[in-house]
Amino acid sequence: MGCYTFRYVVLDEMACRTLLRRRWSRLRMASAACARVYETLEKLHRGKTLVEAEWRDVLGVQQSDGWHHYAVPPREVHVLPMRRLRSAR
């Protein structure tokens, strides 16, 4: 029996792709929140995992404590694989 519980968070794929296609110069004129979302999605696009503050505060993912983003599926930036340790029962 594994020691992790797994969950997949699926973001709006079209919104992610549209935001990644826009030029950074355009987004500089937009709100700071929009720029933070763009930077976070760029990090995902480069294959880097997110820390809790990024997926919770910037992307707005809401779930209980203890979850960690652990991988980036190729060609699916809009999917966040999450895992957390199983509690001892």
C-alpha atoms as a PDB file:
ATOM      1  CA  MET A   1       0.000   0.000   0.000  1.00  0.00           C
ATOM      2  CA  GLY A   2       1.416   3.402  -1.011  1.00  0.00           C
ATOM      3  CA  CYS A   3       2.208   6.105   1.469  1.00  0.00           C
ATOM      4  CA  TYR A   4       0.702   8.954  -0.618  1.00  0.00           C
ATOM      5  CA  THR A   5      -2.776  10.052  -1.593  1.00  0.00           C
ATOM      6  CA  PHE A   6      -2.922  11.524  -5.109  1.00  0.00           C
ATOM      7  CA  ARG A   7      -5.173  14.143  -6.692  1.00  0.00           C
ATOM      8  CA  TYR A   8      -5.182  15.919 -10.051  1.00  0.00           C
ATOM      9  CA  VAL A   9      -6.260  19.561 -10.157  1.00  0.00           C
ATOM     10  CA  VAL A  10      -7.389  20.623 -13.631  1.00  0.00           C
ATOM     11  CA  LEU A  11      -7.230  24.328 -14.466  1.00  0.00           C
ATOM     12  CA  ASP A  12      -9.123  25.929 -17.343  1.00  0.00           C
ATOM     13  CA  GLU A  13      -6.989  24.777 -20.301  1.00  0.00           C
ATOM     14  CA  MET A  14      -8.120  27.492 -22.699  1.00  0.00           C
ATOM     15  CA  ALA A  15      -7.427  30.272 -20.189  1.00  0.00           C
ATOM     16  CA  CYS A  16      -3.919  28.894 -19.549  1.00  0.00           C
ATOM     17  CA  ARG A  17      -3.075  28.609 -23.240  1.00  0.00           C
ATOM     18  CA  THR A  18      -4.463  32.073 -24.042  1.00  0.00           C
ATOM     19  CA  LEU A  19      -2.506  33.697 -21.241  1.00  0.00           C
ATOM     20  CA  LEU A  20       0.725  31.962 -22.258  1.00  0.00           C
ATOM     21  CA  ARG A  21       0.334  33.179 -25.863  1.00  0.00           C
ATOM     22  CA  ARG A  22       0.113  36.845 -24.894  1.00  0.00           C
ATOM     23  CA  ARG A  23       3.207  38.979 -24.982  1.00  0.00           C
ATOM     24  CA  TRP A  24       4.811  39.983 -21.677  1.00  0.00           C
ATOM     25  CA  SER A  25       4.844  43.646 -22.763  1.00  0.00           C
ATOM     26  CA  ARG A  26       1.047  43.610 -22.912  1.00  0.00           C
ATOM     27  CA  LEU A  27       0.773  42.004 -19.498  1.00  0.00           C
ATOM     28  CA  ARG A  28       3.026  44.599 -17.882  1.00  0.00           C
ATOM     29  CA  MET A  29       0.234  47.079 -18.498  1.00  0.00           C
ATOM     30  CA  ALA A  30      -2.276  44.736 -16.854  1.00  0.00           C
ATOM     31  CA  SER A  31      -2.760  44.223 -13.153  1.00  0.00           C
ATOM     32  CA  ALA A  32      -0.025  42.841 -10.908  1.00  0.00           C
ATOM     33  CA  ALA A  33      -2.231  39.797 -10.216  1.00  0.00           C
ATOM     34  CA  CYS A  34      -2.435  38.993 -13.937  1.00  0.00           C
ATOM     35  CA  ALA A  35       1.346  39.278 -14.237  1.00  0.00           C
ATOM     36  CA  ARG A  36       1.829  36.888 -11.273  1.00  0.00           C
ATOM     37  CA  VAL A  37      -0.480  34.324 -12.888  1.00  0.00           C
ATOM     38  CA  TYR A  38       1.463  34.624 -16.156  1.00  0.00           C
ATOM     39  CA  GLU A  39       4.811  34.137 -14.353  1.00  0.00           C
ATOM     40  CA  THR A  40       3.446  31.097 -12.515  1.00  0.00           C
ATOM     41  CA  LEU A  41       2.152  29.504 -15.730  1.00  0.00           C
ATOM     42  CA  GLU A  42       5.511  30.202 -17.415  1.00  0.00           C
ATOM     43  CA  LYS A  43       7.213  28.342 -14.567  1.00  0.00           C
ATOM     44  CA  LEU A  44       4.907  25.367 -15.187  1.00  0.00           C
ATOM     45  CA  HIS A  45       5.564  25.589 -18.925  1.00  0.00           C
ATOM     46  CA  ARG A  46       9.311  25.265 -18.207  1.00  0.00           C
ATOM     47  CA  GLY A  47       8.620  22.049 -16.252  1.00  0.00           C
ATOM     48  CA  LYS A  48       9.073  23.395 -12.725  1.00  0.00           C
ATOM     49  CA  THR A  49       6.840  22.428  -9.822  1.00  0.00           C
ATOM     50  CA  LEU A  50       5.030  25.063  -7.786  1.00  0.00           C
ATOM     51  CA  VAL A  51       5.261  25.847  -4.094  1.00  0.00           C
ATOM     52  CA  GLU A  52       2.043  26.078  -2.090  1.00  0.00           C
ATOM     53  CA  ALA A  53       1.882  29.884  -2.190  1.00  0.00           C
ATOM     54  CA  GLU A  54       1.960  29.801  -6.002  1.00  0.00           C
ATOM     55  CA  TRP A  55      -0.799  27.262  -6.602  1.00  0.00           C
ATOM     56  CA  ARG A  56      -2.928  28.397  -3.661  1.00  0.00           C
ATOM     57  CA  ASP A  57      -2.601  32.199  -3.741  1.00  0.00           C
ATOM     58  CA  VAL A  58      -1.721  32.958  -7.378  1.00  0.00           C
ATOM     59  CA  LEU A  59      -3.756  30.289  -9.210  1.00  0.00           C
ATOM     60  CA  GLY A  60      -6.552  30.184  -6.617  1.00  0.00           C
ATOM     61  CA  VAL A  61      -6.559  26.414  -6.014  1.00  0.00           C
ATOM     62  CA  GLN A  62      -8.501  25.609  -2.841  1.00  0.00           C
ATOM     63  CA  GLN A  63      -7.972  22.337  -0.998  1.00  0.00           C
ATOM     64  CA  SER A  64      -7.073  21.116   2.473  1.00  0.00           C
ATOM     65  CA  ASP A  65      -3.567  21.432   3.930  1.00  0.00           C
ATOM     66  CA  GLY A  66      -0.752  19.000   3.273  1.00  0.00           C
ATOM     67  CA  TRP A  67      -0.927  18.809  -0.534  1.00  0.00           C
ATOM     68  CA  HIS A  68       2.207  19.283  -2.673  1.00  0.00           C
ATOM     69  CA  HIS A  69       2.599  19.807  -6.418  1.00  0.00           C
ATOM     70  CA  TYR A  70       5.066  17.088  -7.424  1.00  0.00           C
ATOM     71  CA  ALA A  71       5.222  16.840 -11.248  1.00  0.00           C
ATOM     72  CA  VAL A  72       4.427  18.611 -14.518  1.00  0.00           C
ATOM     73  CA  PRO A  73       2.866  16.358 -17.180  1.00  0.00           C
ATOM     74  CA  PRO A  74       4.330  17.022 -20.639  1.00  0.00           C
ATOM     75  CA  ARG A  75       2.014  19.115 -22.834  1.00  0.00           C
ATOM     76  CA  GLU A  76      -0.538  19.477 -20.009  1.00  0.00           C
ATOM     77  CA  VAL A  77       0.386  22.647 -18.177  1.00  0.00           C
ATOM     78  CA  HIS A  78      -3.226  22.980 -17.027  1.00  0.00           C
ATOM     79  CA  VAL A  79      -3.050  19.749 -14.938  1.00  0.00           C
ATOM     80  CA  LEU A  80      -1.469  19.925 -11.480  1.00  0.00           C
ATOM     81  CA  PRO A  81      -0.648  16.491 -10.051  1.00  0.00           C
ATOM     82  CA  MET A  82      -0.846  16.781  -6.259  1.00  0.00           C
ATOM     83  CA  ARG A  83       0.036  14.370  -3.478  1.00  0.00           C
ATOM     84  CA  ARG A  84       0.122  14.276   0.311  1.00  0.00           C
ATOM     85  CA  LEU A  85       1.262  11.804   2.888  1.00  0.00           C
ATOM     86  CA  ARG A  86      -1.372   9.394   4.133  1.00  0.00           C
ATOM     87  CA  SER A  87      -2.187   9.800   7.786  1.00  0.00           C
ATOM     88  CA  ALA A  88      -1.301   6.872  10.051  1.00  0.00           C
ATOM     89  CA  ARG A  89      -4.462   5.093  11.190  1.00  0.00           C
END
